Amino acid sequence: MALVCKIELNKTSGITLTVTNSDANITQTATFDGTTITFTCQGQDATSTITQTTDAITLKCNTFTVEAENITCKSSQDSLYQAQGKFTLDSTDTATLKSSADMGITANTKLSLSGSELAASGQSSAELTSASTKVNGDTKVEVSGAELSMSAQGNASLSGAMVKVSADTTMDVEGLTTTLKGQITNVQGSLVKLG
């Protein structure tokens, strides 16, 4: 493999370094024009460039890979990570997403959260809203609070193989029309008042 190396010096356009590999159809160029430093690697199928000015560095390529033991990226203002294809964050150890202000997670189609244990909490309030909401536990589901309110704009149903409703002090069951029905219906108490 024979390389052609060229150095051009010019008082107005600066310095240009060129290395040409004719066998592989690759041309490497470095230009210094007094305001911008540009590194270009041009091949038969792709071209990558690094452009540097006093306030910015721009890298353009088909594939960008960084390998290091530790990586730290900091910005004093905004940061943007955008992918027109898939976007993946993967960690083999503990992963944390944290914001000192608001945080929003949005998906146009399906949003999934999963883990061997899943906990969600709000210091002041928590709200789950959707057109259709389902809470399911394969073994047990618990809903508790200092006060518990359950309501429906339409019908409300509570069903199970066995249903028990109890109160430590007073229980009121009332409605415009109230029906207690069963193949066997027991009404018990030390004092039972009907009517």
N, C-alpha and C. Protein backbone atom coordinates (compact mmCIF):
# COMPACT_ATOMS: atom_id res chain seq x y z
N MET A 1 0.85 -1.19 0.00
CA MET A 1 0.00 0.00 0.00
C MET A 1 0.88 1.24 0.00
N ALA A 2 0.69 2.09 -0.98
CA ALA A 2 1.44 3.34 -1.08
C ALA A 2 0.52 4.51 -0.79
N LEU A 3 0.94 5.38 0.13
CA LEU A 3 0.16 6.55 0.50
C LEU A 3 0.75 7.80 -0.13
N VAL A 4 -0.14 8.71 -0.49
CA VAL A 4 0.27 10.01 -1.02
C VAL A 4 0.01 11.04 0.06
N CYS A 5 1.06 11.71 0.54
CA CYS A 5 0.94 12.68 1.61
C CYS A 5 1.25 14.07 1.06
N LYS A 6 0.43 15.03 1.44
CA LYS A 6 0.59 16.38 0.90
C LYS A 6 0.36 17.41 2.00
N ILE A 7 1.20 18.42 2.04
CA ILE A 7 1.07 19.53 2.98
C ILE A 7 1.00 20.83 2.17
N GLU A 8 -0.07 21.61 2.42
CA GLU A 8 -0.24 22.88 1.73
C GLU A 8 -0.23 24.00 2.75
N LEU A 9 0.60 25.00 2.51
CA LEU A 9 0.70 26.18 3.37
C LEU A 9 0.26 27.40 2.59
N ASN A 10 -0.66 28.17 3.20
CA ASN A 10 -1.15 29.36 2.52
C ASN A 10 -1.41 30.43 3.57
N LYS A 11 -0.97 31.66 3.29
CA LYS A 11 -1.13 32.74 4.26
C LYS A 11 -2.58 33.16 4.47
N THR A 12 -3.48 32.86 3.52
CA THR A 12 -4.89 33.24 3.64
C THR A 12 -5.79 32.06 3.99
N SER A 13 -5.54 30.89 3.42
CA SER A 13 -6.40 29.73 3.69
C SER A 13 -5.86 28.83 4.79
N GLY A 14 -4.63 29.02 5.24
CA GLY A 14 -4.08 28.25 6.35
C GLY A 14 -3.31 27.03 5.90
N ILE A 15 -3.45 25.95 6.68
CA ILE A 15 -2.69 24.72 6.44
C ILE A 15 -3.66 23.59 6.11
N THR A 16 -3.30 22.79 5.10
CA THR A 16 -4.08 21.62 4.75
C THR A 16 -3.16 20.41 4.67
N LEU A 17 -3.50 19.37 5.45
CA LEU A 17 -2.76 18.11 5.43
C LEU A 17 -3.64 17.06 4.79
N THR A 18 -3.11 16.36 3.81
CA THR A 18 -3.90 15.37 3.08
C THR A 18 -3.11 14.07 2.96
N VAL A 19 -3.80 12.96 3.30
CA VAL A 19 -3.24 11.62 3.11
C VAL A 19 -4.22 10.84 2.26
N THR A 20 -3.75 10.31 1.13
CA THR A 20 -4.60 9.59 0.19
C THR A 20 -4.17 8.14 0.10
N ASN A 21 -5.16 7.26 0.31
CA ASN A 21 -4.95 5.82 0.16
C ASN A 21 -5.72 5.37 -1.07
N SER A 22 -5.05 5.29 -2.19
CA SER A 22 -5.71 4.97 -3.45
C SER A 22 -6.23 3.54 -3.47
N ASP A 23 -5.54 2.61 -2.80
CA ASP A 23 -5.97 1.21 -2.81
C ASP A 23 -7.34 1.04 -2.13
N ALA A 24 -7.58 1.77 -1.05
CA ALA A 24 -8.84 1.65 -0.31
C ALA A 24 -9.82 2.77 -0.61
N ASN A 25 -9.45 3.69 -1.50
CA ASN A 25 -10.29 4.84 -1.85
C ASN A 25 -10.64 5.66 -0.60
N ILE A 26 -9.63 5.95 0.21
CA ILE A 26 -9.80 6.73 1.43
C ILE A 26 -8.90 7.96 1.37
N THR A 27 -9.51 9.11 1.69
CA THR A 27 -8.76 10.36 1.74
C THR A 27 -8.96 10.99 3.12
N GLN A 28 -7.86 11.26 3.79
CA GLN A 28 -7.89 11.89 5.10
C GLN A 28 -7.35 13.31 4.97
N THR A 29 -8.12 14.27 5.52
CA THR A 29 -7.76 15.67 5.37
C THR A 29 -7.89 16.38 6.71
N ALA A 30 -6.91 17.23 7.01
CA ALA A 30 -6.96 18.11 8.19
C ALA A 30 -6.69 19.52 7.72
N THR A 31 -7.62 20.43 8.03
CA THR A 31 -7.45 21.82 7.60
C THR A 31 -7.48 22.74 8.82
N PHE A 32 -6.60 23.75 8.81
CA PHE A 32 -6.52 24.77 9.85
C PHE A 32 -6.57 26.12 9.14
N ASP A 33 -7.71 26.81 9.20
CA ASP A 33 -7.85 28.04 8.43
C ASP A 33 -7.84 29.30 9.29
N GLY A 34 -7.44 29.17 10.54
CA GLY A 34 -7.37 30.34 11.42
C GLY A 34 -8.60 30.54 12.27
N THR A 35 -9.75 29.97 11.88
CA THR A 35 -10.98 30.05 12.67
C THR A 35 -11.55 28.66 12.96
N THR A 36 -11.33 27.73 12.04
CA THR A 36 -11.93 26.40 12.17
C THR A 36 -10.89 25.33 11.88
N ILE A 37 -10.94 24.27 12.71
CA ILE A 37 -10.13 23.08 12.46
C ILE A 37 -11.09 21.98 12.01
N THR A 38 -10.79 21.38 10.85
CA THR A 38 -11.68 20.36 10.31
C THR A 38 -10.87 19.11 9.98
N PHE A 39 -11.33 17.98 10.53
CA PHE A 39 -10.74 16.67 10.21
C PHE A 39 -11.77 15.89 9.41
N THR A 40 -11.37 15.40 8.25
CA THR A 40 -12.29 14.69 7.37
C THR A 40 -11.67 13.36 6.96
N CYS A 41 -12.48 12.30 7.06
CA CYS A 41 -12.07 10.98 6.57
C CYS A 41 -13.13 10.53 5.58
N GLN A 42 -12.77 10.56 4.30
CA GLN A 42 -13.73 10.28 3.24
C GLN A 42 -13.40 8.95 2.58
N GLY A 43 -14.39 8.05 2.57
CA GLY A 43 -14.24 6.76 1.92
C GLY A 43 -15.16 6.62 0.75
N GLN A 44 -15.22 5.41 0.24
CA GLN A 44 -16.06 5.17 -0.94
C GLN A 44 -17.54 5.19 -0.58
N ASP A 45 -17.89 4.75 0.66
CA ASP A 45 -19.29 4.63 1.04
C ASP A 45 -19.73 5.62 2.12
N ALA A 46 -18.79 6.20 2.86
CA ALA A 46 -19.17 7.07 3.97
C ALA A 46 -18.08 8.10 4.22
N THR A 47 -18.46 9.19 4.92
CA THR A 47 -17.53 10.25 5.28
C THR A 47 -17.81 10.68 6.72
N SER A 48 -16.75 10.84 7.52
CA SER A 48 -16.89 11.35 8.88
C SER A 48 -16.07 12.63 9.00
N THR A 49 -16.60 13.58 9.80
CA THR A 49 -15.92 14.87 9.97
C THR A 49 -15.96 15.29 11.43
N ILE A 50 -14.92 15.97 11.87
CA ILE A 50 -14.85 16.62 13.17
C ILE A 50 -14.53 18.09 12.91
N THR A 51 -15.41 18.97 13.36
CA THR A 51 -15.23 20.40 13.14
C THR A 51 -15.10 21.10 14.49
N GLN A 52 -14.06 21.89 14.64
CA GLN A 52 -13.81 22.57 15.91
C GLN A 52 -13.61 24.06 15.69
N THR A 53 -14.36 24.86 16.48
CA THR A 53 -14.17 26.30 16.51
C THR A 53 -13.87 26.70 17.95
N THR A 54 -13.82 27.98 18.22
CA THR A 54 -13.49 28.42 19.57
C THR A 54 -14.59 28.08 20.58
N ASP A 55 -15.84 27.91 20.12
CA ASP A 55 -16.94 27.68 21.06
C ASP A 55 -17.72 26.39 20.79
N ALA A 56 -17.29 25.58 19.83
CA ALA A 56 -18.08 24.38 19.52
C ALA A 56 -17.21 23.32 18.87
N ILE A 57 -17.62 22.05 19.10
CA ILE A 57 -17.04 20.90 18.42
C ILE A 57 -18.20 20.09 17.86
N THR A 58 -18.16 19.81 16.57
CA THR A 58 -19.21 19.05 15.90
C THR A 58 -18.63 17.80 15.28
N LEU A 59 -19.25 16.67 15.56
CA LEU A 59 -18.79 15.39 15.01
C LEU A 59 -19.91 14.78 14.20
N LYS A 60 -19.63 14.40 12.96
CA LYS A 60 -20.61 13.76 12.09
C LYS A 60 -20.03 12.45 11.58
N CYS A 61 -20.78 11.37 11.79
CA CYS A 61 -20.32 10.06 11.33
C CYS A 61 -21.49 9.09 11.33
N ASN A 62 -21.29 7.92 10.75
CA ASN A 62 -22.33 6.88 10.76
C ASN A 62 -22.40 6.17 12.11
N THR A 63 -21.26 5.90 12.73
CA THR A 63 -21.22 5.19 14.00
C THR A 63 -20.25 5.90 14.93
N PHE A 64 -20.72 6.20 16.17
CA PHE A 64 -19.89 6.89 17.16
C PHE A 64 -19.80 6.00 18.39
N THR A 65 -18.62 5.61 18.78
CA THR A 65 -18.41 4.68 19.88
C THR A 65 -17.41 5.26 20.87
N VAL A 66 -17.76 5.22 22.16
CA VAL A 66 -16.86 5.64 23.23
C VAL A 66 -16.74 4.49 24.22
N GLU A 67 -15.52 4.11 24.56
CA GLU A 67 -15.27 3.06 25.54
C GLU A 67 -14.34 3.62 26.61
N ALA A 68 -14.78 3.54 27.88
CA ALA A 68 -13.97 4.05 28.98
C ALA A 68 -14.42 3.38 30.27
N GLU A 69 -13.58 3.41 31.30
CA GLU A 69 -13.97 2.86 32.59
C GLU A 69 -15.02 3.75 33.25
N ASN A 70 -14.85 5.05 33.18
CA ASN A 70 -15.79 6.00 33.76
C ASN A 70 -16.04 7.13 32.76
N ILE A 71 -17.30 7.53 32.62
CA ILE A 71 -17.68 8.61 31.71
C ILE A 71 -18.52 9.61 32.49
N THR A 72 -18.18 10.88 32.39
CA THR A 72 -18.94 11.96 33.02
C THR A 72 -19.27 13.01 31.98
N CYS A 73 -20.55 13.32 31.82
CA CYS A 73 -20.99 14.38 30.91
C CYS A 73 -21.75 15.41 31.73
N LYS A 74 -21.34 16.67 31.65
CA LYS A 74 -21.98 17.74 32.40
C LYS A 74 -22.27 18.91 31.46
N SER A 75 -23.44 19.52 31.64
CA SER A 75 -23.76 20.73 30.90
C SER A 75 -24.29 21.76 31.89
N SER A 76 -23.80 22.99 31.79
CA SER A 76 -24.26 24.04 32.69
C SER A 76 -25.66 24.54 32.31
N GLN A 77 -26.11 24.20 31.10
CA GLN A 77 -27.45 24.57 30.67
C GLN A 77 -28.18 23.34 30.15
N ASP A 78 -28.86 23.40 29.02
CA ASP A 78 -29.71 22.32 28.55
C ASP A 78 -28.89 21.18 27.94
N SER A 79 -29.47 19.95 28.01
CA SER A 79 -28.91 18.77 27.35
C SER A 79 -30.02 18.11 26.54
N LEU A 80 -29.69 17.62 25.36
CA LEU A 80 -30.66 16.96 24.49
C LEU A 80 -30.06 15.68 23.94
N TYR A 81 -30.78 14.57 24.14
CA TYR A 81 -30.40 13.29 23.55
C TYR A 81 -31.59 12.83 22.71
N GLN A 82 -31.38 12.70 21.42
CA GLN A 82 -32.48 12.42 20.51
C GLN A 82 -32.06 11.33 19.53
N ALA A 83 -32.95 10.36 19.32
CA ALA A 83 -32.69 9.29 18.37
C ALA A 83 -33.90 9.14 17.46
N GLN A 84 -33.69 9.09 16.16
CA GLN A 84 -34.78 8.84 15.23
C GLN A 84 -35.13 7.36 15.17
N GLY A 85 -34.26 6.51 15.70
CA GLY A 85 -34.55 5.08 15.81
C GLY A 85 -34.71 4.70 17.26
N LYS A 86 -34.23 3.54 17.65
CA LYS A 86 -34.35 3.06 19.02
C LYS A 86 -33.40 3.82 19.94
N PHE A 87 -33.83 4.00 21.19
CA PHE A 87 -33.02 4.66 22.22
C PHE A 87 -32.98 3.75 23.43
N THR A 88 -31.81 3.33 23.87
CA THR A 88 -31.68 2.35 24.93
C THR A 88 -30.72 2.85 26.00
N LEU A 89 -31.14 2.73 27.27
CA LEU A 89 -30.27 2.94 28.42
C LEU A 89 -30.18 1.62 29.16
N ASP A 90 -28.97 1.12 29.37
CA ASP A 90 -28.79 -0.20 29.96
C ASP A 90 -27.71 -0.13 31.02
N SER A 91 -27.98 -0.73 32.17
CA SER A 91 -27.01 -0.75 33.26
C SER A 91 -27.03 -2.11 33.92
N THR A 92 -25.87 -2.64 34.28
CA THR A 92 -25.80 -3.90 35.01
C THR A 92 -25.82 -3.68 36.52
N ASP A 93 -25.78 -2.41 36.96
CA ASP A 93 -25.85 -2.07 38.38
C ASP A 93 -27.01 -1.09 38.58
N THR A 94 -27.07 -0.44 39.71
CA THR A 94 -28.16 0.47 40.03
C THR A 94 -28.21 1.63 39.04
N ALA A 95 -29.41 1.96 38.55
CA ALA A 95 -29.61 3.07 37.62
C ALA A 95 -30.56 4.07 38.26
N THR A 96 -30.28 5.36 38.09
CA THR A 96 -31.06 6.42 38.71
C THR A 96 -31.37 7.52 37.72
N LEU A 97 -32.63 7.94 37.66
CA LEU A 97 -33.04 9.14 36.93
C LEU A 97 -33.57 10.12 37.97
N LYS A 98 -33.02 11.33 38.01
CA LYS A 98 -33.38 12.27 39.06
C LYS A 98 -33.48 13.68 38.49
N SER A 99 -34.47 14.43 38.96
CA SER A 99 -34.64 15.82 38.56
C SER A 99 -34.95 16.66 39.79
N SER A 100 -34.32 17.83 39.89
CA SER A 100 -34.62 18.75 40.98
C SER A 100 -35.91 19.52 40.74
N ALA A 101 -36.46 19.43 39.52
CA ALA A 101 -37.74 20.06 39.18
C ALA A 101 -38.70 18.98 38.71
N ASP A 102 -39.60 19.29 37.79
CA ASP A 102 -40.57 18.32 37.29
C ASP A 102 -39.90 17.33 36.36
N MET A 103 -40.49 16.14 36.24
CA MET A 103 -40.04 15.13 35.30
C MET A 103 -41.24 14.53 34.60
N GLY A 104 -41.18 14.42 33.30
CA GLY A 104 -42.27 13.83 32.53
C GLY A 104 -41.77 12.65 31.71
N ILE A 105 -42.51 11.56 31.71
CA ILE A 105 -42.21 10.39 30.88
C ILE A 105 -43.44 10.14 30.02
N THR A 106 -43.30 10.20 28.71
CA THR A 106 -44.43 10.10 27.79
C THR A 106 -44.13 9.11 26.69
N ALA A 107 -45.11 8.31 26.34
CA ALA A 107 -45.02 7.41 25.19
C ALA A 107 -46.28 7.57 24.35
N ASN A 108 -46.12 7.68 23.03
CA ASN A 108 -47.28 7.85 22.16
C ASN A 108 -48.11 6.57 22.05
N THR A 109 -47.51 5.41 22.32
CA THR A 109 -48.27 4.16 22.22
C THR A 109 -48.30 3.46 23.58
N LYS A 110 -47.31 2.64 23.90
CA LYS A 110 -47.36 1.82 25.11
C LYS A 110 -46.20 2.18 26.02
N LEU A 111 -46.50 2.32 27.32
CA LEU A 111 -45.49 2.61 28.33
C LEU A 111 -45.50 1.48 29.35
N SER A 112 -44.36 0.84 29.57
CA SER A 112 -44.27 -0.31 30.46
C SER A 112 -43.27 -0.04 31.57
N LEU A 113 -43.66 -0.39 32.80
CA LEU A 113 -42.77 -0.36 33.96
C LEU A 113 -42.80 -1.76 34.57
N SER A 114 -41.65 -2.36 34.79
CA SER A 114 -41.63 -3.70 35.35
C SER A 114 -40.41 -3.87 36.25
N GLY A 115 -40.55 -4.76 37.22
CA GLY A 115 -39.46 -5.08 38.12
C GLY A 115 -39.91 -6.16 39.08
N SER A 116 -38.96 -6.85 39.71
CA SER A 116 -39.34 -7.86 40.69
C SER A 116 -40.11 -7.22 41.84
N GLU A 117 -39.80 -5.99 42.18
CA GLU A 117 -40.57 -5.19 43.12
C GLU A 117 -40.76 -3.80 42.51
N LEU A 118 -41.98 -3.27 42.55
CA LEU A 118 -42.29 -1.97 41.97
C LEU A 118 -42.95 -1.10 43.01
N ALA A 119 -42.39 0.08 43.26
CA ALA A 119 -42.95 1.00 44.25
C ALA A 119 -43.09 2.38 43.62
N ALA A 120 -44.23 3.01 43.84
CA ALA A 120 -44.48 4.38 43.37
C ALA A 120 -45.08 5.16 44.53
N SER A 121 -44.56 6.35 44.80
CA SER A 121 -45.06 7.13 45.93
C SER A 121 -45.00 8.61 45.58
N GLY A 122 -45.89 9.37 46.21
CA GLY A 122 -45.90 10.82 46.08
C GLY A 122 -45.92 11.44 47.46
N GLN A 123 -45.10 12.45 47.69
CA GLN A 123 -45.03 13.06 49.02
C GLN A 123 -46.31 13.80 49.39
N SER A 124 -47.00 14.39 48.41
CA SER A 124 -48.24 15.10 48.71
C SER A 124 -49.46 14.37 48.15
N SER A 125 -49.40 13.92 46.90
CA SER A 125 -50.54 13.22 46.31
C SER A 125 -50.05 12.30 45.20
N ALA A 126 -50.88 11.32 44.87
CA ALA A 126 -50.61 10.40 43.76
C ALA A 126 -51.91 10.17 43.02
N GLU A 127 -51.84 10.13 41.70
CA GLU A 127 -53.05 10.00 40.89
C GLU A 127 -52.77 9.08 39.71
N LEU A 128 -53.70 8.17 39.45
CA LEU A 128 -53.63 7.27 38.30
C LEU A 128 -54.93 7.43 37.53
N THR A 129 -54.83 7.88 36.29
CA THR A 129 -56.02 8.19 35.49
C THR A 129 -55.88 7.59 34.09
N SER A 130 -56.94 6.98 33.62
CA SER A 130 -56.99 6.50 32.25
C SER A 130 -58.44 6.22 31.88
N ALA A 131 -58.71 6.00 30.59
CA ALA A 131 -60.07 5.67 30.16
C ALA A 131 -60.52 4.36 30.79
N SER A 132 -59.60 3.41 30.92
CA SER A 132 -59.88 2.14 31.58
C SER A 132 -58.69 1.79 32.46
N THR A 133 -58.95 1.55 33.75
CA THR A 133 -57.89 1.30 34.72
C THR A 133 -58.10 -0.05 35.36
N LYS A 134 -57.05 -0.87 35.44
CA LYS A 134 -57.13 -2.20 36.02
C LYS A 134 -55.98 -2.39 36.99
N VAL A 135 -56.30 -2.81 38.21
CA VAL A 135 -55.30 -3.15 39.21
C VAL A 135 -55.45 -4.63 39.51
N ASN A 136 -54.39 -5.40 39.32
CA ASN A 136 -54.49 -6.84 39.44
C ASN A 136 -53.34 -7.39 40.28
N GLY A 137 -53.65 -8.29 41.18
CA GLY A 137 -52.63 -9.00 41.94
C GLY A 137 -52.92 -10.49 41.87
N ASP A 138 -51.93 -11.30 41.50
CA ASP A 138 -52.17 -12.74 41.33
C ASP A 138 -52.51 -13.41 42.67
N THR A 139 -52.03 -12.88 43.78
CA THR A 139 -52.33 -13.48 45.08
C THR A 139 -53.17 -12.57 45.96
N LYS A 140 -52.77 -11.29 46.12
CA LYS A 140 -53.47 -10.43 47.06
C LYS A 140 -53.36 -8.98 46.62
N VAL A 141 -54.45 -8.21 46.80
CA VAL A 141 -54.47 -6.79 46.51
C VAL A 141 -54.96 -6.07 47.76
N GLU A 142 -54.23 -5.07 48.22
CA GLU A 142 -54.60 -4.32 49.41
C GLU A 142 -54.75 -2.84 49.05
N VAL A 143 -55.84 -2.23 49.52
CA VAL A 143 -56.07 -0.79 49.39
C VAL A 143 -56.37 -0.28 50.79
N SER A 144 -55.55 0.63 51.31
CA SER A 144 -55.73 1.10 52.68
C SER A 144 -55.43 2.58 52.77
N GLY A 145 -55.97 3.21 53.81
CA GLY A 145 -55.74 4.62 54.04
C GLY A 145 -56.47 5.07 55.28
N ALA A 146 -56.13 6.26 55.78
CA ALA A 146 -56.85 6.80 56.93
C ALA A 146 -58.32 6.98 56.58
N GLU A 147 -58.62 7.41 55.36
CA GLU A 147 -59.98 7.46 54.83
C GLU A 147 -59.98 6.83 53.45
N LEU A 148 -61.01 6.07 53.14
CA LEU A 148 -61.10 5.38 51.86
C LEU A 148 -62.42 5.74 51.20
N SER A 149 -62.35 6.22 49.98
CA SER A 149 -63.55 6.59 49.23
C SER A 149 -63.50 5.91 47.87
N MET A 150 -64.58 5.21 47.54
CA MET A 150 -64.71 4.56 46.23
C MET A 150 -66.02 4.99 45.62
N SER A 151 -65.99 5.48 44.40
CA SER A 151 -67.22 5.96 43.74
C SER A 151 -67.16 5.66 42.26
N ALA A 152 -68.34 5.66 41.65
CA ALA A 152 -68.46 5.43 40.21
C ALA A 152 -69.57 6.31 39.67
N GLN A 153 -69.39 6.84 38.46
CA GLN A 153 -70.43 7.64 37.83
C GLN A 153 -71.60 6.77 37.39
N GLY A 154 -71.30 5.51 37.07
CA GLY A 154 -72.35 4.57 36.68
C GLY A 154 -72.50 3.49 37.72
N ASN A 155 -72.42 2.23 37.28
CA ASN A 155 -72.56 1.10 38.19
C ASN A 155 -71.25 0.86 38.95
N ALA A 156 -71.39 0.37 40.20
CA ALA A 156 -70.24 -0.04 41.00
C ALA A 156 -70.50 -1.47 41.44
N SER A 157 -69.54 -2.36 41.20
CA SER A 157 -69.72 -3.78 41.51
C SER A 157 -68.58 -4.26 42.39
N LEU A 158 -68.94 -5.10 43.37
CA LEU A 158 -67.96 -5.76 44.23
C LEU A 158 -68.33 -7.23 44.27
N SER A 159 -67.44 -8.09 43.81
CA SER A 159 -67.77 -9.50 43.72
C SER A 159 -66.57 -10.35 44.09
N GLY A 160 -66.86 -11.56 44.51
CA GLY A 160 -65.82 -12.50 44.87
C GLY A 160 -66.43 -13.81 45.29
N ALA A 161 -65.60 -14.86 45.41
CA ALA A 161 -66.10 -16.14 45.89
C ALA A 161 -66.71 -15.98 47.28
N MET A 162 -66.05 -15.18 48.12
CA MET A 162 -66.59 -14.80 49.43
C MET A 162 -66.34 -13.32 49.61
N VAL A 163 -67.35 -12.56 50.04
CA VAL A 163 -67.23 -11.11 50.23
C VAL A 163 -67.59 -10.80 51.68
N LYS A 164 -66.74 -10.08 52.37
CA LYS A 164 -66.99 -9.68 53.74
C LYS A 164 -66.82 -8.18 53.85
N VAL A 165 -67.84 -7.51 54.39
CA VAL A 165 -67.80 -6.07 54.63
C VAL A 165 -68.03 -5.86 56.11
N SER A 166 -67.11 -5.21 56.79
CA SER A 166 -67.25 -5.04 58.24
C SER A 166 -66.79 -3.65 58.64
N ALA A 167 -67.33 -3.19 59.80
CA ALA A 167 -66.96 -1.90 60.35
C ALA A 167 -66.77 -2.06 61.85
N ASP A 168 -65.80 -1.38 62.42
CA ASP A 168 -65.55 -1.48 63.86
C ASP A 168 -66.64 -0.79 64.67
N THR A 169 -67.27 0.25 64.12
CA THR A 169 -68.30 0.98 64.88
C THR A 169 -69.64 0.93 64.16
N THR A 170 -69.84 1.76 63.15
CA THR A 170 -71.15 1.88 62.51
C THR A 170 -71.02 1.62 61.02
N MET A 171 -71.99 0.90 60.47
CA MET A 171 -72.05 0.64 59.03
C MET A 171 -73.41 1.06 58.51
N ASP A 172 -73.43 1.83 57.46
CA ASP A 172 -74.66 2.25 56.81
C ASP A 172 -74.71 1.67 55.40
N VAL A 173 -75.79 0.99 55.09
CA VAL A 173 -76.06 0.52 53.73
C VAL A 173 -77.38 1.13 53.32
N GLU A 174 -77.36 2.02 52.33
CA GLU A 174 -78.58 2.72 51.98
C GLU A 174 -78.60 3.00 50.48
N GLY A 175 -79.78 3.16 49.97
CA GLY A 175 -79.97 3.48 48.57
C GLY A 175 -81.44 3.78 48.31
N LEU A 176 -81.74 4.36 47.15
CA LEU A 176 -83.14 4.64 46.81
C LEU A 176 -83.94 3.33 46.81
N THR A 177 -83.33 2.30 46.27
CA THR A 177 -83.88 0.94 46.36
C THR A 177 -82.75 0.03 46.83
N THR A 178 -82.94 -0.65 47.95
CA THR A 178 -81.90 -1.49 48.54
C THR A 178 -82.42 -2.91 48.63
N THR A 179 -81.64 -3.86 48.11
CA THR A 179 -82.07 -5.26 48.11
C THR A 179 -80.97 -6.13 48.73
N LEU A 180 -81.35 -6.95 49.68
CA LEU A 180 -80.48 -7.99 50.21
C LEU A 180 -81.03 -9.32 49.74
N LYS A 181 -80.26 -10.08 49.00
CA LYS A 181 -80.79 -11.28 48.36
C LYS A 181 -79.76 -12.40 48.42
N GLY A 182 -80.21 -13.58 48.68
CA GLY A 182 -79.36 -14.75 48.66
C GLY A 182 -80.20 -16.00 48.83
N GLN A 183 -79.68 -17.14 48.46
CA GLN A 183 -80.41 -18.38 48.67
C GLN A 183 -80.69 -18.57 50.16
N ILE A 184 -79.74 -18.19 50.98
CA ILE A 184 -79.95 -18.13 52.43
C ILE A 184 -79.51 -16.74 52.87
N THR A 185 -80.39 -15.97 53.49
CA THR A 185 -80.10 -14.62 53.93
C THR A 185 -80.28 -14.55 55.44
N ASN A 186 -79.24 -14.21 56.15
CA ASN A 186 -79.27 -14.11 57.59
C ASN A 186 -79.17 -12.65 58.02
N VAL A 187 -80.05 -12.23 58.90
CA VAL A 187 -79.97 -10.91 59.53
C VAL A 187 -79.86 -11.18 61.02
N GLN A 188 -78.73 -10.84 61.61
CA GLN A 188 -78.46 -11.19 62.99
C GLN A 188 -78.00 -9.96 63.77
N GLY A 189 -78.22 -9.98 65.08
CA GLY A 189 -77.75 -8.93 65.96
C GLY A 189 -78.46 -9.00 67.29
N SER A 190 -77.81 -8.44 68.34
CA SER A 190 -78.47 -8.40 69.64
C SER A 190 -79.73 -7.54 69.58
N LEU A 191 -79.73 -6.55 68.68
CA LEU A 191 -80.92 -5.74 68.45
C LEU A 191 -81.08 -5.57 66.95
N VAL A 192 -82.12 -6.07 66.37
CA VAL A 192 -82.39 -5.97 64.94
C VAL A 192 -83.66 -5.16 64.75
N LYS A 193 -83.58 -4.09 63.98
CA LYS A 193 -84.72 -3.23 63.73
C LYS A 193 -84.95 -3.15 62.25
N LEU A 194 -86.12 -3.48 61.80
CA LEU A 194 -86.52 -3.41 60.40
C LEU A 194 -87.69 -2.45 60.30
N GLY A 195 -87.59 -1.42 59.38
CA GLY A 195 -88.68 -0.50 59.23
C GLY A 195 -88.48 0.75 60.02
